[in-house]
Amino acid sequence: MLTKYDIKINEIRESISTLLENITDANQLSLVAFELCDLKKFKEVQERLNNIGTKGDIIDNEIIKTFALFGPEAKELRSLVAYLKMTNEIVRIGEGVKKYAHRMLEHSRSDVNLKPLNSIIIQLHKSTINAQKYILECFKKLDDCQIDDYYRKVVVEESINDDLFSVLEKDILTIIIDERELAIEYVRVLGSLRKLERSCDRSVNIANLMMYAKQGGEIHHYK
């Protein structure tokens, strides 16, 4: 029979998993919106993520209550600390996805031509989503997850993501040379795409926290 503490931990894990799954689904939708140039879908992404900060706060409050009520020690304490930090990273991913959708909606209405960049942007976006999916898949079966394997998968996606973003930077700078009158707008496009790059970085941070929760050591040891 599960103890009250075990039941509470399972509830917290379920809430974190649901939050990450909702954000991953919204991110997938934002990719579809870009591929189809569907402005309504970009708006839908923003609507789905409107209360993301509030949802994160609710989880954090439950974690803090668990600290206060059960006074966990050792591994249990380590896990709760990891979950508290993890929620912050997940919320920031969600906020990044929301801002990306908002900005891409604006770019779609501007004079910039993103067609020459479409293929690389889509690859960048897919690597971001892949990293989030690996995190979600492992977190759903955290007790049995081979965290080392998933950690490596997330790091590989982050490396791919960095390479793709570097290519995009060079391509956009080349475009700016030819279309100087739209230079500011293209710089804003690059800033929007950086939201995807940062989301992938945060997936690595979450993977680090999952390693810490399961194996101990120092939180930044695995970076």
C-alpha atoms as a PDB file:
ATOM      1  CA  MET A   1       0.000   0.000   0.000  1.00  0.00           C
ATOM      2  CA  LEU A   2       1.295   3.454  -0.930  1.00  0.00           C
ATOM      3  CA  THR A   3       2.040   5.903   1.849  1.00  0.00           C
ATOM      4  CA  LYS A   4       0.556   9.402   1.868  1.00  0.00           C
ATOM      5  CA  TYR A   5       3.967  10.713   0.826  1.00  0.00           C
ATOM      6  CA  ASP A   6       4.150   8.312  -2.138  1.00  0.00           C
ATOM      7  CA  ILE A   7       0.662   9.343  -3.242  1.00  0.00           C
ATOM      8  CA  LYS A   8       1.616  13.033  -3.083  1.00  0.00           C
ATOM      9  CA  ILE A   9       4.829  12.447  -5.056  1.00  0.00           C
ATOM     10  CA  ASN A  10       2.890  10.566  -7.742  1.00  0.00           C
ATOM     11  CA  GLU A  11       0.441  13.474  -7.972  1.00  0.00           C
ATOM     12  CA  ILE A  12       3.314  15.953  -8.375  1.00  0.00           C
ATOM     13  CA  ARG A  13       4.933  13.810 -11.048  1.00  0.00           C
ATOM     14  CA  GLU A  14       1.646  13.510 -12.901  1.00  0.00           C
ATOM     15  CA  SER A  15       1.168  17.286 -12.808  1.00  0.00           C
ATOM     16  CA  ILE A  16       4.689  17.914 -14.124  1.00  0.00           C
ATOM     17  CA  SER A  17       4.210  15.300 -16.838  1.00  0.00           C
ATOM     18  CA  THR A  18       0.884  16.848 -17.911  1.00  0.00           C
ATOM     19  CA  LEU A  19       2.412  20.333 -17.999  1.00  0.00           C
ATOM     20  CA  LEU A  20       5.324  19.193 -20.169  1.00  0.00           C
ATOM     21  CA  GLU A  21       3.015  17.191 -22.441  1.00  0.00           C
ATOM     22  CA  ASN A  22       0.755  20.216 -23.003  1.00  0.00           C
ATOM     23  CA  ILE A  23       3.753  22.373 -23.879  1.00  0.00           C
ATOM     24  CA  THR A  24       5.191  19.727 -26.209  1.00  0.00           C
ATOM     25  CA  ASP A  25       1.832  19.419 -27.982  1.00  0.00           C
ATOM     26  CA  ALA A  26       1.644  23.208 -28.340  1.00  0.00           C
ATOM     27  CA  ASN A  27       5.173  23.256 -29.731  1.00  0.00           C
ATOM     28  CA  GLN A  28       4.217  20.573 -32.246  1.00  0.00           C
ATOM     29  CA  LEU A  29       1.224  22.676 -33.255  1.00  0.00           C
ATOM     30  CA  SER A  30       3.440  25.724 -33.756  1.00  0.00           C
ATOM     31  CA  LEU A  31       5.574  23.661 -36.150  1.00  0.00           C
ATOM     32  CA  VAL A  32       2.469  22.681 -38.110  1.00  0.00           C
ATOM     33  CA  ALA A  33       1.424  26.331 -38.147  1.00  0.00           C
ATOM     34  CA  PHE A  34       4.768  27.295 -39.669  1.00  0.00           C
ATOM     35  CA  GLU A  35       4.754  24.482 -42.216  1.00  0.00           C
ATOM     36  CA  LEU A  36       1.232  25.386 -43.372  1.00  0.00           C
ATOM     37  CA  CYS A  37       1.608  29.142 -42.787  1.00  0.00           C
ATOM     38  CA  ASP A  38      -1.595  28.852 -40.769  1.00  0.00           C
ATOM     39  CA  LEU A  39      -2.021  32.037 -38.745  1.00  0.00           C
ATOM     40  CA  LYS A  40      -4.997  30.642 -36.813  1.00  0.00           C
ATOM     41  CA  LYS A  41      -2.867  27.802 -35.492  1.00  0.00           C
ATOM     42  CA  PHE A  42      -0.236  30.277 -34.259  1.00  0.00           C
ATOM     43  CA  LYS A  43      -3.009  32.009 -32.302  1.00  0.00           C
ATOM     44  CA  GLU A  44      -4.188  28.654 -30.965  1.00  0.00           C
ATOM     45  CA  VAL A  45      -0.694  27.947 -29.631  1.00  0.00           C
ATOM     46  CA  GLN A  46      -0.759  31.220 -27.700  1.00  0.00           C
ATOM     47  CA  GLU A  47      -4.199  30.460 -26.301  1.00  0.00           C
ATOM     48  CA  ARG A  48      -3.142  26.983 -25.152  1.00  0.00           C
ATOM     49  CA  LEU A  49      -0.229  28.449 -23.210  1.00  0.00           C
ATOM     50  CA  ASN A  50      -1.987  31.488 -21.725  1.00  0.00           C
ATOM     51  CA  ASN A  51      -1.988  30.198 -18.129  1.00  0.00           C
ATOM     52  CA  ILE A  52       1.293  28.300 -18.227  1.00  0.00           C
ATOM     53  CA  GLY A  53       2.864  30.367 -15.446  1.00  0.00           C
ATOM     54  CA  THR A  54      -0.117  29.850 -13.140  1.00  0.00           C
ATOM     55  CA  LYS A  55      -0.032  26.089 -13.725  1.00  0.00           C
ATOM     56  CA  GLY A  56       3.644  26.049 -12.845  1.00  0.00           C
ATOM     57  CA  ASP A  57       2.977  28.002  -9.643  1.00  0.00           C
ATOM     58  CA  ILE A  58       0.321  25.483  -8.601  1.00  0.00           C
ATOM     59  CA  ILE A  59       2.828  22.623  -8.942  1.00  0.00           C
ATOM     60  CA  ASP A  60       5.495  24.582  -7.053  1.00  0.00           C
ATOM     61  CA  ASN A  61       3.050  25.222  -4.204  1.00  0.00           C
ATOM     62  CA  GLU A  62       2.297  21.495  -3.950  1.00  0.00           C
ATOM     63  CA  ILE A  63       6.014  20.727  -3.822  1.00  0.00           C
ATOM     64  CA  ILE A  64       6.548  23.306  -1.057  1.00  0.00           C
ATOM     65  CA  LYS A  65       3.602  21.862   0.896  1.00  0.00           C
ATOM     66  CA  THR A  66       5.193  18.429   0.596  1.00  0.00           C
ATOM     67  CA  PHE A  67       8.432  19.807   2.052  1.00  0.00           C
ATOM     68  CA  ALA A  68       6.493  21.257   4.985  1.00  0.00           C
ATOM     69  CA  LEU A  69       4.192  18.295   5.672  1.00  0.00           C
ATOM     70  CA  PHE A  70       6.555  15.359   5.264  1.00  0.00           C
ATOM     71  CA  GLY A  71      10.043  16.741   5.998  1.00  0.00           C
ATOM     72  CA  PRO A  72      11.679  14.483   3.379  1.00  0.00           C
ATOM     73  CA  GLU A  73      15.350  13.532   3.684  1.00  0.00           C
ATOM     74  CA  ALA A  74      18.099  12.125   1.467  1.00  0.00           C
ATOM     75  CA  LYS A  75      16.819  10.869  -1.914  1.00  0.00           C
ATOM     76  CA  GLU A  76      13.255  12.138  -1.350  1.00  0.00           C
ATOM     77  CA  LEU A  77      14.545  15.630  -0.562  1.00  0.00           C
ATOM     78  CA  ARG A  78      16.820  15.539  -3.611  1.00  0.00           C
ATOM     79  CA  SER A  79      13.907  14.581  -5.863  1.00  0.00           C
ATOM     80  CA  LEU A  80      11.680  17.397  -4.591  1.00  0.00           C
ATOM     81  CA  VAL A  81      14.453  19.957  -5.110  1.00  0.00           C
ATOM     82  CA  ALA A  82      14.881  18.645  -8.663  1.00  0.00           C
ATOM     83  CA  TYR A  83      11.134  18.821  -9.347  1.00  0.00           C
ATOM     84  CA  LEU A  84      10.970  22.400  -8.077  1.00  0.00           C
ATOM     85  CA  LYS A  85      13.758  23.486 -10.418  1.00  0.00           C
ATOM     86  CA  MET A  86      12.368  21.349 -13.232  1.00  0.00           C
ATOM     87  CA  THR A  87       8.993  23.090 -13.123  1.00  0.00           C
ATOM     88  CA  ASN A  88      10.709  26.434 -13.643  1.00  0.00           C
ATOM     89  CA  GLU A  89      12.558  25.139 -16.712  1.00  0.00           C
ATOM     90  CA  ILE A  90       9.362  23.635 -18.167  1.00  0.00           C
ATOM     91  CA  VAL A  91       7.407  26.866 -17.670  1.00  0.00           C
ATOM     92  CA  ARG A  92      10.162  28.837 -19.369  1.00  0.00           C
ATOM     93  CA  ILE A  93      10.050  26.437 -22.316  1.00  0.00           C
ATOM     94  CA  GLY A  94       6.305  27.059 -22.516  1.00  0.00           C
ATOM     95  CA  GLU A  95       6.777  30.814 -22.374  1.00  0.00           C
ATOM     96  CA  GLY A  96       9.372  30.531 -25.139  1.00  0.00           C
ATOM     97  CA  VAL A  97       6.990  28.529 -27.339  1.00  0.00           C
ATOM     98  CA  LYS A  98       4.256  31.109 -26.741  1.00  0.00           C
ATOM     99  CA  LYS A  99       6.549  34.014 -27.661  1.00  0.00           C
ATOM    100  CA  TYR A 100       7.800  32.133 -30.712  1.00  0.00           C
ATOM    101  CA  ALA A 101       4.238  31.607 -31.963  1.00  0.00           C
ATOM    102  CA  HIS A 102       3.404  35.284 -31.361  1.00  0.00           C
ATOM    103  CA  ARG A 103       6.476  36.507 -33.213  1.00  0.00           C
ATOM    104  CA  MET A 104       6.141  34.077 -36.112  1.00  0.00           C
ATOM    105  CA  LEU A 105       2.586  35.304 -36.519  1.00  0.00           C
ATOM    106  CA  GLU A 106       3.963  38.836 -36.859  1.00  0.00           C
ATOM    107  CA  HIS A 107       6.727  37.739 -39.253  1.00  0.00           C
ATOM    108  CA  SER A 108       4.147  36.009 -41.451  1.00  0.00           C
ATOM    109  CA  ARG A 109       2.434  39.361 -41.880  1.00  0.00           C
ATOM    110  CA  SER A 110       5.653  41.266 -42.626  1.00  0.00           C
ATOM    111  CA  ASP A 111       7.683  41.672 -45.816  1.00  0.00           C
ATOM    112  CA  VAL A 112      10.375  39.154 -44.876  1.00  0.00           C
ATOM    113  CA  ASN A 113      10.721  36.086 -47.065  1.00  0.00           C
ATOM    114  CA  LEU A 114      11.347  33.006 -44.948  1.00  0.00           C
ATOM    115  CA  LYS A 115      10.961  30.470 -47.762  1.00  0.00           C
ATOM    116  CA  PRO A 116      14.735  30.137 -48.370  1.00  0.00           C
ATOM    117  CA  LEU A 117      15.097  29.319 -44.666  1.00  0.00           C
ATOM    118  CA  ASN A 118      12.069  27.034 -44.313  1.00  0.00           C
ATOM    119  CA  SER A 119      13.916  23.721 -44.447  1.00  0.00           C
ATOM    120  CA  ILE A 120      16.452  24.623 -41.758  1.00  0.00           C
ATOM    121  CA  ILE A 121      13.827  26.267 -39.536  1.00  0.00           C
ATOM    122  CA  ILE A 122      11.733  23.100 -39.682  1.00  0.00           C
ATOM    123  CA  GLN A 123      14.762  20.951 -38.803  1.00  0.00           C
ATOM    124  CA  LEU A 124      15.590  23.286 -35.911  1.00  0.00           C
ATOM    125  CA  HIS A 125      12.030  23.093 -34.655  1.00  0.00           C
ATOM    126  CA  LYS A 126      11.916  19.295 -34.941  1.00  0.00           C
ATOM    127  CA  SER A 127      15.109  18.862 -32.927  1.00  0.00           C
ATOM    128  CA  THR A 128      13.603  21.041 -30.185  1.00  0.00           C
ATOM    129  CA  ILE A 129      10.453  18.921 -30.126  1.00  0.00           C
ATOM    130  CA  ASN A 130      12.458  15.682 -30.155  1.00  0.00           C
ATOM    131  CA  ALA A 131      14.390  16.769 -27.060  1.00  0.00           C
ATOM    132  CA  GLN A 132      11.146  17.564 -25.247  1.00  0.00           C
ATOM    133  CA  LYS A 133       9.634  14.231 -26.258  1.00  0.00           C
ATOM    134  CA  TYR A 134      12.632  12.328 -24.895  1.00  0.00           C
ATOM    135  CA  ILE A 135      12.300  14.169 -21.586  1.00  0.00           C
ATOM    136  CA  LEU A 136       8.563  13.464 -21.439  1.00  0.00           C
ATOM    137  CA  GLU A 137       8.944   9.787 -22.330  1.00  0.00           C
ATOM    138  CA  CYS A 138      11.538   9.242 -19.610  1.00  0.00           C
ATOM    139  CA  PHE A 139       9.710  11.274 -16.979  1.00  0.00           C
ATOM    140  CA  LYS A 140       6.524   9.268 -17.452  1.00  0.00           C
ATOM    141  CA  LYS A 141       8.410   6.123 -16.388  1.00  0.00           C
ATOM    142  CA  LEU A 142      11.010   7.827 -14.203  1.00  0.00           C
ATOM    143  CA  ASP A 143      11.553   4.946 -11.770  1.00  0.00           C
ATOM    144  CA  ASP A 144      12.298   2.511 -14.609  1.00  0.00           C
ATOM    145  CA  CYS A 145      13.794   4.936 -17.128  1.00  0.00           C
ATOM    146  CA  GLN A 146      17.371   4.350 -18.296  1.00  0.00           C
ATOM    147  CA  ILE A 147      18.172   7.988 -17.665  1.00  0.00           C
ATOM    148  CA  ASP A 148      21.718   7.783 -19.070  1.00  0.00           C
ATOM    149  CA  ASP A 149      20.386   6.753 -22.482  1.00  0.00           C
ATOM    150  CA  TYR A 150      17.767   9.483 -22.583  1.00  0.00           C
ATOM    151  CA  TYR A 151      20.254  12.057 -21.340  1.00  0.00           C
ATOM    152  CA  ARG A 152      22.547  11.251 -24.283  1.00  0.00           C
ATOM    153  CA  LYS A 153      19.639  11.496 -26.717  1.00  0.00           C
ATOM    154  CA  VAL A 154      18.705  14.955 -25.421  1.00  0.00           C
ATOM    155  CA  VAL A 155      22.318  16.133 -25.596  1.00  0.00           C
ATOM    156  CA  VAL A 156      22.590  14.898 -29.203  1.00  0.00           C
ATOM    157  CA  GLU A 157      19.450  16.844 -30.152  1.00  0.00           C
ATOM    158  CA  GLU A 158      20.829  19.946 -28.435  1.00  0.00           C
ATOM    159  CA  SER A 159      24.072  19.609 -30.415  1.00  0.00           C
ATOM    160  CA  ILE A 160      22.121  19.268 -33.674  1.00  0.00           C
ATOM    161  CA  ASN A 161      20.024  22.262 -32.647  1.00  0.00           C
ATOM    162  CA  ASP A 162      23.114  24.411 -32.033  1.00  0.00           C
ATOM    163  CA  ASP A 163      24.570  23.489 -35.431  1.00  0.00           C
ATOM    164  CA  LEU A 164      21.321  24.316 -37.228  1.00  0.00           C
ATOM    165  CA  PHE A 165      21.011  27.640 -35.444  1.00  0.00           C
ATOM    166  CA  SER A 166      24.569  28.549 -36.463  1.00  0.00           C
ATOM    167  CA  VAL A 167      23.662  27.840 -40.097  1.00  0.00           C
ATOM    168  CA  LEU A 168      20.550  30.006 -39.765  1.00  0.00           C
ATOM    169  CA  GLU A 169      22.598  32.859 -38.312  1.00  0.00           C
ATOM    170  CA  LYS A 170      24.950  32.801 -41.305  1.00  0.00           C
ATOM    171  CA  ASP A 171      22.097  32.531 -43.821  1.00  0.00           C
ATOM    172  CA  ILE A 172      20.166  35.400 -42.255  1.00  0.00           C
ATOM    173  CA  LEU A 173      23.254  37.618 -42.184  1.00  0.00           C
ATOM    174  CA  THR A 174      23.742  36.889 -45.883  1.00  0.00           C
ATOM    175  CA  ILE A 175      20.130  37.851 -46.579  1.00  0.00           C
ATOM    176  CA  ILE A 176      20.552  41.083 -44.596  1.00  0.00           C
ATOM    177  CA  ILE A 177      23.428  42.115 -46.873  1.00  0.00           C
ATOM    178  CA  ASP A 178      21.106  41.855 -49.890  1.00  0.00           C
ATOM    179  CA  GLU A 179      17.992  43.266 -48.190  1.00  0.00           C
ATOM    180  CA  ARG A 180      19.324  45.982 -45.933  1.00  0.00           C
ATOM    181  CA  GLU A 181      15.990  47.778 -45.758  1.00  0.00           C
ATOM    182  CA  LEU A 182      14.586  44.748 -43.896  1.00  0.00           C
ATOM    183  CA  ALA A 183      17.637  44.234 -41.702  1.00  0.00           C
ATOM    184  CA  ILE A 184      15.844  44.986 -38.429  1.00  0.00           C
ATOM    185  CA  GLU A 185      13.020  42.596 -39.269  1.00  0.00           C
ATOM    186  CA  TYR A 186      15.437  39.783 -40.113  1.00  0.00           C
ATOM    187  CA  VAL A 187      17.291  40.374 -36.850  1.00  0.00           C
ATOM    188  CA  ARG A 188      13.928  39.989 -35.098  1.00  0.00           C
ATOM    189  CA  VAL A 189      13.385  36.718 -36.983  1.00  0.00           C
ATOM    190  CA  LEU A 190      16.709  35.476 -35.656  1.00  0.00           C
ATOM    191  CA  GLY A 191      15.619  36.450 -32.144  1.00  0.00           C
ATOM    192  CA  SER A 192      12.401  34.494 -32.610  1.00  0.00           C
ATOM    193  CA  LEU A 193      14.287  31.401 -33.752  1.00  0.00           C
ATOM    194  CA  ARG A 194      16.553  31.689 -30.746  1.00  0.00           C
ATOM    195  CA  LYS A 195      13.482  30.821 -28.657  1.00  0.00           C
ATOM    196  CA  LEU A 196      13.653  27.338 -30.190  1.00  0.00           C
ATOM    197  CA  GLU A 197      17.375  27.084 -29.535  1.00  0.00           C
ATOM    198  CA  ARG A 198      16.933  28.101 -25.907  1.00  0.00           C
ATOM    199  CA  SER A 199      14.081  25.616 -25.456  1.00  0.00           C
ATOM    200  CA  CYS A 200      16.424  22.809 -26.474  1.00  0.00           C
ATOM    201  CA  ASP A 201      19.023  24.071 -23.985  1.00  0.00           C
ATOM    202  CA  ARG A 202      16.389  23.948 -21.256  1.00  0.00           C
ATOM    203  CA  SER A 203      15.580  20.347 -22.158  1.00  0.00           C
ATOM    204  CA  VAL A 204      19.214  19.534 -21.364  1.00  0.00           C
ATOM    205  CA  ASN A 205      18.797  21.348 -18.035  1.00  0.00           C
ATOM    206  CA  ILE A 206      15.760  19.186 -17.264  1.00  0.00           C
ATOM    207  CA  ALA A 207      17.694  16.043 -18.211  1.00  0.00           C
ATOM    208  CA  ASN A 208      20.414  17.146 -15.787  1.00  0.00           C
ATOM    209  CA  LEU A 209      17.838  17.519 -13.025  1.00  0.00           C
ATOM    210  CA  MET A 210      16.407  14.082 -13.763  1.00  0.00           C
ATOM    211  CA  MET A 211      19.917  12.611 -13.498  1.00  0.00           C
ATOM    212  CA  TYR A 212      20.418  14.443 -10.207  1.00  0.00           C
ATOM    213  CA  ALA A 213      17.091  13.212  -8.815  1.00  0.00           C
ATOM    214  CA  LYS A 214      17.910   9.603  -9.632  1.00  0.00           C
ATOM    215  CA  GLN A 215      21.672   9.384  -9.117  1.00  0.00           C
ATOM    216  CA  GLY A 216      22.600  12.209  -6.765  1.00  0.00           C
ATOM    217  CA  GLY A 217      25.872  14.101  -6.944  1.00  0.00           C
ATOM    218  CA  GLU A 218      25.824  17.804  -7.761  1.00  0.00           C
ATOM    219  CA  ILE A 219      23.049  19.369  -9.821  1.00  0.00           C
ATOM    220  CA  HIS A 220      25.454  20.777 -12.421  1.00  0.00           C
ATOM    221  CA  HIS A 221      27.724  17.721 -12.411  1.00  0.00           C
ATOM    222  CA  TYR A 222      26.206  16.241 -15.566  1.00  0.00           C
ATOM    223  CA  LYS A 223      26.477  19.362 -17.770  1.00  0.00           C
END
